[in-house]
Amino acid sequence: MKKILMILAFLFFLSCATIPKNASVLSSSVTQGIERLQSENEKVIKALADVERAILDESWDSIYNKIEAKYRTKNNIANGTSLTRDQTIDIATGAAAVREELLLTIATKERTLILKSKENSQEVININKEVQNYLLSLEKYDEATTQVNALTKKIIGIDPSQVLGTVNDNIQTSIDNFFN
């Protein structure tokens, strides 16, 4: 009930306001602005993902060393002990797998954010289209009201006092005119 009253109050206040000419055109410009903003959002998201990939590149030695340390601990290989070729390959393979997993996570988050940004922009565009349709209908309503008012003003008002008293006021003149 509260919502209905708020909506009715909003519509009442809105109906009291005048709709500026070309308000629907302005609404169309807003849609274009939203689309440009979406494009900029995508650029920012891609830039942030690129930063994360750069951090991964800079952290590569540290990641590799952590994997090697974990491998040595798991296989009871003391630090400083030389690794065999197969052990080195195992560590490199593990490091590459971790790198690929992190790159996939970054790419997934990047795609998810871009998709969510596109969905949000589309929702705002849809809302703006509804507002635009509403403004168009109000413009048409405003035009129709103006036309009706103009036609109404063309109607000549009827003044009964112009008829009343005609006989009394004009009887003598009519009699005189008859005999002239």
Protein backbone atom coordinates (compact mmCIF):
# COMPACT_ATOMS: atom_id res chain seq x y z
CA MET A 1 0.00 0.00 0.00
CA LYS A 2 2.85 2.33 0.89
CA LYS A 3 4.46 1.65 -2.48
CA ILE A 4 1.26 2.43 -4.33
CA LEU A 5 0.89 5.73 -2.48
CA MET A 6 4.51 6.62 -3.23
CA ILE A 7 4.07 5.77 -6.90
CA LEU A 8 0.86 7.79 -7.10
CA ALA A 9 2.52 10.73 -5.34
CA PHE A 10 5.46 10.48 -7.72
CA LEU A 11 3.17 10.40 -10.74
CA PHE A 12 1.18 13.34 -9.39
CA PHE A 13 4.29 15.46 -8.94
CA LEU A 14 5.62 14.31 -12.28
CA SER A 15 2.36 15.20 -14.02
CA CYS A 16 2.61 18.70 -12.58
CA ALA A 17 6.02 19.18 -14.11
CA THR A 18 6.39 20.21 -17.71
CA ILE A 19 8.30 17.90 -20.01
CA PRO A 20 11.04 19.76 -21.83
CA LYS A 21 11.02 19.45 -25.60
CA ASN A 22 13.32 16.72 -26.91
CA ALA A 23 13.59 15.03 -23.51
CA SER A 24 13.45 11.70 -25.29
CA VAL A 25 16.39 12.74 -27.50
CA LEU A 26 18.38 13.52 -24.36
CA SER A 27 17.50 10.06 -23.06
CA SER A 28 18.94 8.57 -26.26
CA SER A 29 22.18 10.47 -25.63
CA VAL A 30 22.28 8.99 -22.14
CA THR A 31 22.18 5.49 -23.66
CA GLN A 32 25.18 6.35 -25.81
CA GLY A 33 27.00 7.61 -22.73
CA ILE A 34 26.25 4.38 -20.87
CA GLU A 35 27.67 2.37 -23.79
CA ARG A 36 30.86 4.47 -23.77
CA LEU A 37 31.14 4.03 -20.01
CA GLN A 38 30.78 0.25 -20.47
CA SER A 39 33.63 0.30 -22.97
CA GLU A 40 35.80 2.22 -20.50
CA ASN A 41 34.90 -0.26 -17.73
CA GLU A 42 36.10 -3.11 -19.93
CA LYS A 43 39.39 -1.32 -20.55
CA VAL A 44 39.89 -0.85 -16.80
CA ILE A 45 39.09 -4.50 -16.07
CA LYS A 46 41.51 -5.65 -18.79
CA ALA A 47 44.19 -3.31 -17.44
CA LEU A 48 43.73 -4.73 -13.93
CA ALA A 49 44.05 -8.27 -15.29
CA ASP A 50 47.22 -7.22 -17.13
CA VAL A 51 48.60 -5.87 -13.84
CA GLU A 52 47.91 -9.24 -12.20
CA ARG A 53 49.67 -11.05 -15.05
CA ALA A 54 52.64 -8.71 -14.67
CA ILE A 55 52.72 -9.43 -10.93
CA LEU A 56 52.74 -13.15 -11.76
CA ASP A 57 55.69 -12.61 -14.11
CA GLU A 58 57.57 -10.62 -11.46
CA SER A 59 56.82 -13.27 -8.84
CA TRP A 60 57.91 -16.15 -11.04
CA ASP A 61 61.26 -16.76 -9.32
CA SER A 62 59.60 -16.69 -5.92
CA ILE A 63 56.88 -19.10 -7.05
CA TYR A 64 59.45 -21.44 -8.58
CA ASN A 65 61.54 -21.37 -5.39
CA LYS A 66 58.48 -22.13 -3.22
CA ILE A 67 57.56 -25.07 -5.42
CA GLU A 68 61.13 -26.35 -5.27
CA ALA A 69 61.15 -25.99 -1.46
CA LYS A 70 57.86 -27.85 -1.16
CA TYR A 71 59.11 -30.57 -3.55
CA ARG A 72 62.30 -30.99 -1.49
CA THR A 73 60.27 -31.20 1.75
CA LYS A 74 57.82 -33.70 0.29
CA ASN A 75 60.60 -35.91 -1.09
CA ASN A 76 62.99 -35.43 1.88
CA ILE A 77 65.68 -33.77 -0.23
CA ALA A 78 67.95 -31.52 1.78
CA ASN A 79 68.58 -27.95 0.67
CA GLY A 80 71.84 -27.62 -1.18
CA THR A 81 71.62 -31.17 -2.52
CA SER A 82 71.79 -31.30 -6.29
CA LEU A 83 68.62 -32.33 -8.02
CA THR A 84 68.46 -34.94 -10.74
CA ARG A 85 67.27 -34.07 -14.20
CA ASP A 86 63.90 -35.76 -13.54
CA GLN A 87 63.48 -33.88 -10.23
CA THR A 88 64.21 -30.57 -11.98
CA ILE A 89 61.67 -31.46 -14.67
CA ASP A 90 59.10 -32.32 -11.96
CA ILE A 91 59.65 -28.93 -10.29
CA ALA A 92 59.48 -27.05 -13.62
CA THR A 93 56.32 -28.95 -14.55
CA GLY A 94 54.75 -28.12 -11.19
CA ALA A 95 55.74 -24.45 -11.51
CA ALA A 96 54.28 -24.29 -15.03
CA ALA A 97 51.05 -25.92 -13.81
CA VAL A 98 50.75 -23.36 -10.98
CA ARG A 99 51.42 -20.53 -13.47
CA GLU A 100 48.74 -21.83 -15.86
CA GLU A 101 46.26 -22.21 -13.00
CA LEU A 102 46.90 -18.62 -11.88
CA LEU A 103 46.61 -17.33 -15.46
CA LEU A 104 43.32 -19.22 -15.86
CA THR A 105 42.02 -17.76 -12.58
CA ILE A 106 42.93 -14.22 -13.72
CA ALA A 107 41.29 -14.79 -17.12
CA THR A 108 38.16 -16.24 -15.51
CA LYS A 109 37.83 -13.30 -13.12
CA GLU A 110 38.45 -10.88 -16.00
CA ARG A 111 35.71 -12.48 -18.13
CA THR A 112 33.33 -12.62 -15.16
CA LEU A 113 33.82 -8.93 -14.35
CA ILE A 114 33.43 -7.89 -17.99
CA LEU A 115 30.26 -9.97 -18.29
CA LYS A 116 28.85 -8.51 -15.06
CA SER A 117 29.75 -5.00 -16.23
CA LYS A 118 27.99 -5.62 -19.55
CA GLU A 119 24.92 -6.98 -17.74
CA ASN A 120 24.82 -3.96 -15.45
CA SER A 121 25.18 -1.56 -18.37
CA GLN A 122 22.43 -3.36 -20.26
CA GLU A 123 20.14 -3.10 -17.22
CA VAL A 124 20.77 0.65 -17.03
CA ILE A 125 20.17 0.95 -20.79
CA ASN A 126 16.90 -0.99 -20.42
CA ILE A 127 15.82 1.30 -17.58
CA ASN A 128 16.76 4.32 -19.67
CA LYS A 129 14.72 2.97 -22.60
CA GLU A 130 11.70 2.66 -20.32
CA VAL A 131 12.23 6.25 -19.19
CA GLN A 132 12.63 7.27 -22.83
CA ASN A 133 9.35 5.56 -23.77
CA TYR A 134 7.67 7.26 -20.85
CA LEU A 135 9.05 10.65 -21.89
CA LEU A 136 7.88 10.08 -25.45
CA SER A 137 4.39 9.29 -24.21
CA LEU A 138 4.46 12.40 -22.00
CA GLU A 139 5.64 14.51 -24.93
CA LYS A 140 2.75 13.15 -27.01
CA TYR A 141 0.40 13.77 -24.09
CA ASP A 142 1.78 17.30 -23.72
CA GLU A 143 1.34 17.93 -27.47
CA ALA A 144 -2.20 16.56 -27.39
CA THR A 145 -3.04 18.70 -24.36
CA THR A 146 -1.68 21.80 -26.11
CA GLN A 147 -3.71 21.03 -29.24
CA VAL A 148 -6.89 20.43 -27.24
CA ASN A 149 -6.36 23.65 -25.31
CA ALA A 150 -5.82 25.58 -28.56
CA LEU A 151 -9.00 24.13 -30.07
CA THR A 152 -10.93 24.83 -26.87
CA LYS A 153 -9.85 28.48 -26.99
CA LYS A 154 -11.34 28.75 -30.50
CA ILE A 155 -14.77 27.94 -29.11
CA ILE A 156 -16.70 31.18 -28.60
CA GLY A 157 -18.37 31.35 -25.28
CA ILE A 158 -22.15 31.72 -25.15
CA ASP A 159 -23.39 34.73 -23.25
CA PRO A 160 -27.13 34.38 -22.48
CA SER A 161 -27.38 38.08 -21.61
CA GLN A 162 -26.92 38.86 -25.30
CA VAL A 163 -30.27 37.17 -26.06
CA LEU A 164 -32.19 38.21 -22.99
CA GLY A 165 -33.90 41.56 -23.35
CA THR A 166 -33.75 41.57 -27.16
CA VAL A 167 -37.50 42.12 -27.53
CA ASN A 168 -37.73 44.87 -24.94
CA ASP A 169 -34.58 46.60 -26.15
CA ASN A 170 -35.40 46.44 -29.88
CA ILE A 171 -39.21 46.52 -30.16
CA GLN A 172 -39.48 50.23 -30.79
CA THR A 173 -36.64 50.22 -33.34
CA SER A 174 -38.21 47.33 -35.22
CA ILE A 175 -41.60 49.08 -35.31
CA ASP A 176 -40.01 52.31 -36.57
CA ASN A 177 -38.07 50.44 -39.25
CA PHE A 178 -41.27 48.76 -40.47
CA PHE A 179 -42.95 52.10 -41.14
CA ASN A 180 -39.98 53.74 -42.83
